[in-house]
């Protein structure tokens, strides 16, 4: 499908037919990116999307341990003086 670049205020844009938007499931916020000489438009992912599953997998793998344990601190001040 061919379309023309049109003036939209001080910017330019293209009109995307509703059928294409529906086909690509673009019905909310989108991300626009340049890849080579192509303009790519895709659904914007929700922030922190997939974090619950990632944390669950970390727990199952035993990968959810603290990296900086209190007793492993090399500084006496951290061990003796710091108060939470």
Protein backbone atom coordinates (compact mmCIF):
# COMPACT_ATOMS: atom_id res chain seq x y z
CA UNK A 1 0.00 0.00 0.00
CA UNK A 2 1.31 3.44 -0.89
CA UNK A 3 0.51 6.62 0.98
CA UNK A 4 1.73 10.19 1.02
CA UNK A 5 3.48 12.18 3.70
CA UNK A 6 1.13 14.98 4.77
CA UNK A 7 1.58 18.17 6.76
CA UNK A 8 0.22 17.98 10.32
CA UNK A 9 0.72 21.39 11.93
CA UNK A 10 4.47 22.04 12.03
CA UNK A 11 5.20 18.32 11.59
CA UNK A 12 4.60 15.72 8.92
CA UNK A 13 2.99 12.33 9.13
CA UNK A 14 1.23 9.55 7.33
CA UNK A 15 -2.34 8.35 7.56
CA UNK A 16 -2.58 4.68 8.46
CA UNK A 17 -5.80 2.96 7.40
CA UNK A 18 -7.88 1.52 10.24
CA UNK A 19 -7.69 -1.95 8.70
CA UNK A 20 -3.87 -1.93 8.96
CA UNK A 21 -3.97 -0.68 12.55
CA UNK A 22 -6.42 -3.46 13.42
CA UNK A 23 -4.35 -6.08 11.60
CA UNK A 24 -1.22 -5.04 13.57
CA UNK A 25 -3.12 -4.68 16.88
CA UNK A 26 -2.08 -1.03 17.19
CA UNK A 27 -4.82 0.49 19.33
CA UNK A 28 -2.92 2.41 22.00
CA UNK A 29 0.47 3.99 22.58
CA UNK A 30 3.13 3.08 20.02
CA UNK A 31 6.91 3.17 19.81
CA UNK A 32 8.54 4.53 16.67
CA UNK A 33 12.08 3.47 15.80
CA UNK A 34 14.47 3.74 12.88
CA UNK A 35 16.08 0.52 11.70
CA UNK A 36 18.41 1.13 8.79
CA UNK A 37 16.35 3.12 6.32
CA UNK A 38 13.01 1.91 7.68
CA UNK A 39 10.59 3.47 10.13
CA UNK A 40 9.21 0.82 12.48
CA UNK A 41 5.99 1.38 14.44
CA UNK A 42 5.04 -1.14 17.14
CA UNK A 43 2.85 -1.30 20.22
CA UNK A 44 4.48 0.33 23.21
CA UNK A 45 5.15 -2.27 25.86
CA UNK A 46 3.86 -1.55 29.33
CA UNK A 47 6.58 -0.52 31.74
CA UNK A 48 7.77 -3.42 33.88
CA UNK A 49 5.94 -5.83 31.62
CA UNK A 50 7.02 -9.40 32.34
CA UNK A 51 8.74 -8.56 35.62
CA UNK A 52 6.45 -10.83 37.68
CA UNK A 53 7.33 -13.84 35.55
CA UNK A 54 11.05 -12.99 35.65
CA UNK A 55 11.04 -12.67 39.45
CA UNK A 56 9.12 -15.93 39.78
CA UNK A 57 11.71 -17.70 37.59
CA UNK A 58 14.55 -16.17 39.63
CA UNK A 59 12.97 -17.50 42.84
CA UNK A 60 12.54 -20.98 41.40
CA UNK A 61 16.18 -21.00 40.28
CA UNK A 62 17.37 -19.74 43.68
CA UNK A 63 18.70 -16.62 41.99
CA UNK A 64 16.97 -14.13 44.28
CA UNK A 65 19.63 -13.87 46.99
CA UNK A 66 21.10 -10.56 48.12
CA UNK A 67 24.43 -9.80 46.50
CA UNK A 68 25.58 -7.44 49.26
CA UNK A 69 25.03 -9.13 52.59
CA UNK A 70 25.65 -7.14 55.76
CA UNK A 71 28.47 -9.41 56.96
CA UNK A 72 30.24 -9.28 53.60
CA UNK A 73 30.79 -5.52 53.78
CA UNK A 74 34.52 -4.73 53.93
CA UNK A 75 33.90 -1.46 55.80
CA UNK A 76 33.57 -1.42 59.59
CA UNK A 77 31.35 1.67 59.44
CA UNK A 78 28.82 -0.21 57.30
CA UNK A 79 28.72 -3.04 59.81
CA UNK A 80 28.80 -1.07 63.09
CA UNK A 81 27.48 2.45 62.46
CA UNK A 82 24.87 2.25 59.74
CA UNK A 83 21.24 2.20 60.97
CA UNK A 84 18.25 1.31 58.83
